Amino acid sequence: QVQLVESGGGLVQAGGSLRLSCEASGSIFNIESMAWYRQAPGEQREFVARITSGDSTIYAASVKDRFTVSRDSAKNTLYLQMWNLKPEDTAVYYCNLRRFGVNFWGKGTLVTVSS
């Protein structure tokens, strides 16, 4: 089993920055990728950014050049550095880990961006 715990969310003004963290524990071997998704109120969950086991990264167009995904393998932690935040970035941000084709999810951390 895999456990994912997100942290770092909060309230920030537009133009500000935040760094989210996701600590993974449990059966965290043979990881294919880790990713961030988000879900705004009344909306479907959407992809934000992914980092593969080979450290390749991919971003949603809406966050490219403003967000950076990274990981610290020694700490089993995934990060999402967010700059120039916009009100439309307001959402619950979820950590995702994919292993043997199975997705695991954290419970999310709320990011609120005020205008």
Protein backbone atom coordinates (compact mmCIF):
# COMPACT_ATOMS: atom_id res chain seq x y z
CA GLN A 1 0.00 0.00 0.00
CA VAL A 2 1.02 3.59 -0.59
CA GLN A 3 0.28 6.63 1.54
CA LEU A 4 0.56 10.17 0.21
CA VAL A 5 0.29 13.24 2.42
CA GLU A 6 0.18 16.70 0.89
CA SER A 7 1.06 19.92 2.68
CA GLY A 8 1.85 23.55 1.93
CA GLY A 9 -1.51 24.83 0.78
CA GLY A 10 -2.97 28.07 2.03
CA LEU A 11 -4.25 31.51 1.15
CA VAL A 12 -2.09 33.71 -1.06
CA GLN A 13 -2.64 36.88 -3.03
CA ALA A 14 -2.54 36.90 -6.80
CA GLY A 15 1.05 37.12 -7.99
CA GLY A 16 2.32 35.30 -4.94
CA SER A 17 3.99 31.92 -4.62
CA LEU A 18 3.58 28.68 -2.69
CA ARG A 19 5.39 25.37 -2.52
CA LEU A 20 3.41 22.21 -2.08
CA SER A 21 4.93 19.01 -0.73
CA CYS A 22 3.79 15.40 -0.93
CA GLU A 23 5.43 12.85 1.31
CA ALA A 24 5.12 9.27 0.17
CA SER A 25 5.39 6.20 2.37
CA GLY A 26 4.63 2.52 2.23
CA SER A 27 5.35 0.38 -0.83
CA ILE A 28 7.11 3.12 -2.75
CA PHE A 29 9.22 1.11 -5.14
CA ASN A 30 9.01 0.67 -8.91
CA ILE A 31 7.35 4.06 -9.16
CA GLU A 32 6.49 4.98 -12.74
CA SER A 33 5.70 8.61 -12.06
CA MET A 34 4.41 11.11 -9.55
CA ALA A 35 2.14 13.97 -10.39
CA TRP A 36 0.00 16.82 -9.20
CA TYR A 37 -3.64 17.22 -10.10
CA ARG A 38 -6.11 19.84 -8.95
CA GLN A 39 -9.85 20.20 -8.61
CA ALA A 40 -11.56 23.56 -8.46
CA PRO A 41 -15.02 23.92 -6.93
CA GLY A 42 -17.63 22.51 -9.27
CA GLU A 43 -15.01 21.31 -11.72
CA GLN A 44 -13.47 17.97 -12.64
CA ARG A 45 -10.04 17.02 -11.42
CA GLU A 46 -7.38 18.12 -13.90
CA PHE A 47 -3.75 17.33 -14.54
CA VAL A 48 -1.18 19.90 -13.44
CA ALA A 49 2.32 18.40 -13.68
CA ARG A 50 4.12 15.06 -13.73
CA ILE A 51 7.63 13.82 -13.13
CA THR A 52 8.67 10.36 -14.26
CA SER A 53 11.11 7.93 -12.72
CA GLY A 54 13.65 9.25 -15.22
CA ASP A 55 12.99 12.83 -14.09
CA SER A 56 11.22 13.87 -17.27
CA THR A 57 8.59 16.50 -16.60
CA ILE A 58 5.42 17.56 -18.32
CA TYR A 59 3.06 20.40 -17.48
CA ALA A 60 -0.44 21.50 -18.28
CA ALA A 61 -0.41 24.47 -20.62
CA SER A 62 -2.14 26.61 -18.01
CA VAL A 63 0.75 26.30 -15.54
CA LYS A 64 3.76 25.90 -17.79
CA ASP A 65 6.43 28.52 -17.02
CA ARG A 66 4.78 29.29 -13.65
CA PHE A 67 4.97 25.94 -11.83
CA THR A 68 7.88 23.56 -11.36
CA VAL A 69 7.55 19.93 -10.28
CA SER A 70 10.48 18.21 -8.62
CA ARG A 71 11.22 15.37 -6.26
CA ASP A 72 13.68 14.44 -3.56
CA SER A 73 14.08 10.67 -3.77
CA ALA A 74 16.04 10.52 -0.52
CA LYS A 75 13.09 12.11 1.31
CA ASN A 76 10.42 10.33 -0.77
CA THR A 77 8.90 13.74 -1.34
CA LEU A 78 7.33 15.38 -4.36
CA TYR A 79 7.20 19.17 -4.67
CA LEU A 80 5.27 21.71 -6.68
CA GLN A 81 6.73 25.20 -6.68
CA MET A 82 4.13 27.68 -7.84
CA TRP A 83 4.88 31.28 -8.86
CA ASN A 84 2.74 34.11 -10.16
CA LEU A 85 -0.38 32.49 -8.81
CA LYS A 86 -3.72 33.50 -10.29
CA PRO A 87 -7.22 33.29 -8.86
CA GLU A 88 -7.97 30.54 -11.36
CA ASP A 89 -5.30 28.40 -9.67
CA THR A 90 -7.60 28.12 -6.66
CA ALA A 91 -8.28 24.42 -6.11
CA VAL A 92 -7.59 21.41 -3.98
CA TYR A 93 -4.25 20.03 -5.14
CA TYR A 94 -3.81 16.26 -5.08
CA CYS A 95 -0.65 14.21 -5.18
CA ASN A 96 -0.65 11.16 -7.44
CA LEU A 97 1.71 8.20 -7.56
CA ARG A 98 1.55 5.64 -10.32
CA ARG A 99 3.02 2.18 -9.75
CA PHE A 100 2.48 -0.97 -11.79
CA GLY A 101 -0.30 0.86 -13.63
CA VAL A 102 -2.15 1.62 -10.41
CA ASN A 103 -2.84 5.16 -9.26
CA PHE A 104 -2.62 6.23 -5.64
CA TRP A 105 -3.93 9.55 -4.36
CA GLY A 106 -3.45 11.79 -1.39
CA LYS A 107 -6.31 13.60 0.32
CA GLY A 108 -5.33 16.98 -1.09
CA THR A 109 -4.31 20.41 0.13
CA LEU A 110 -6.32 23.56 -0.53
CA VAL A 111 -4.77 26.48 -2.38
CA THR A 112 -6.77 29.71 -2.43
CA VAL A 113 -5.58 32.65 -4.50
CA SER A 114 -7.26 35.97 -3.79
CA SER A 115 -7.50 38.73 -6.38
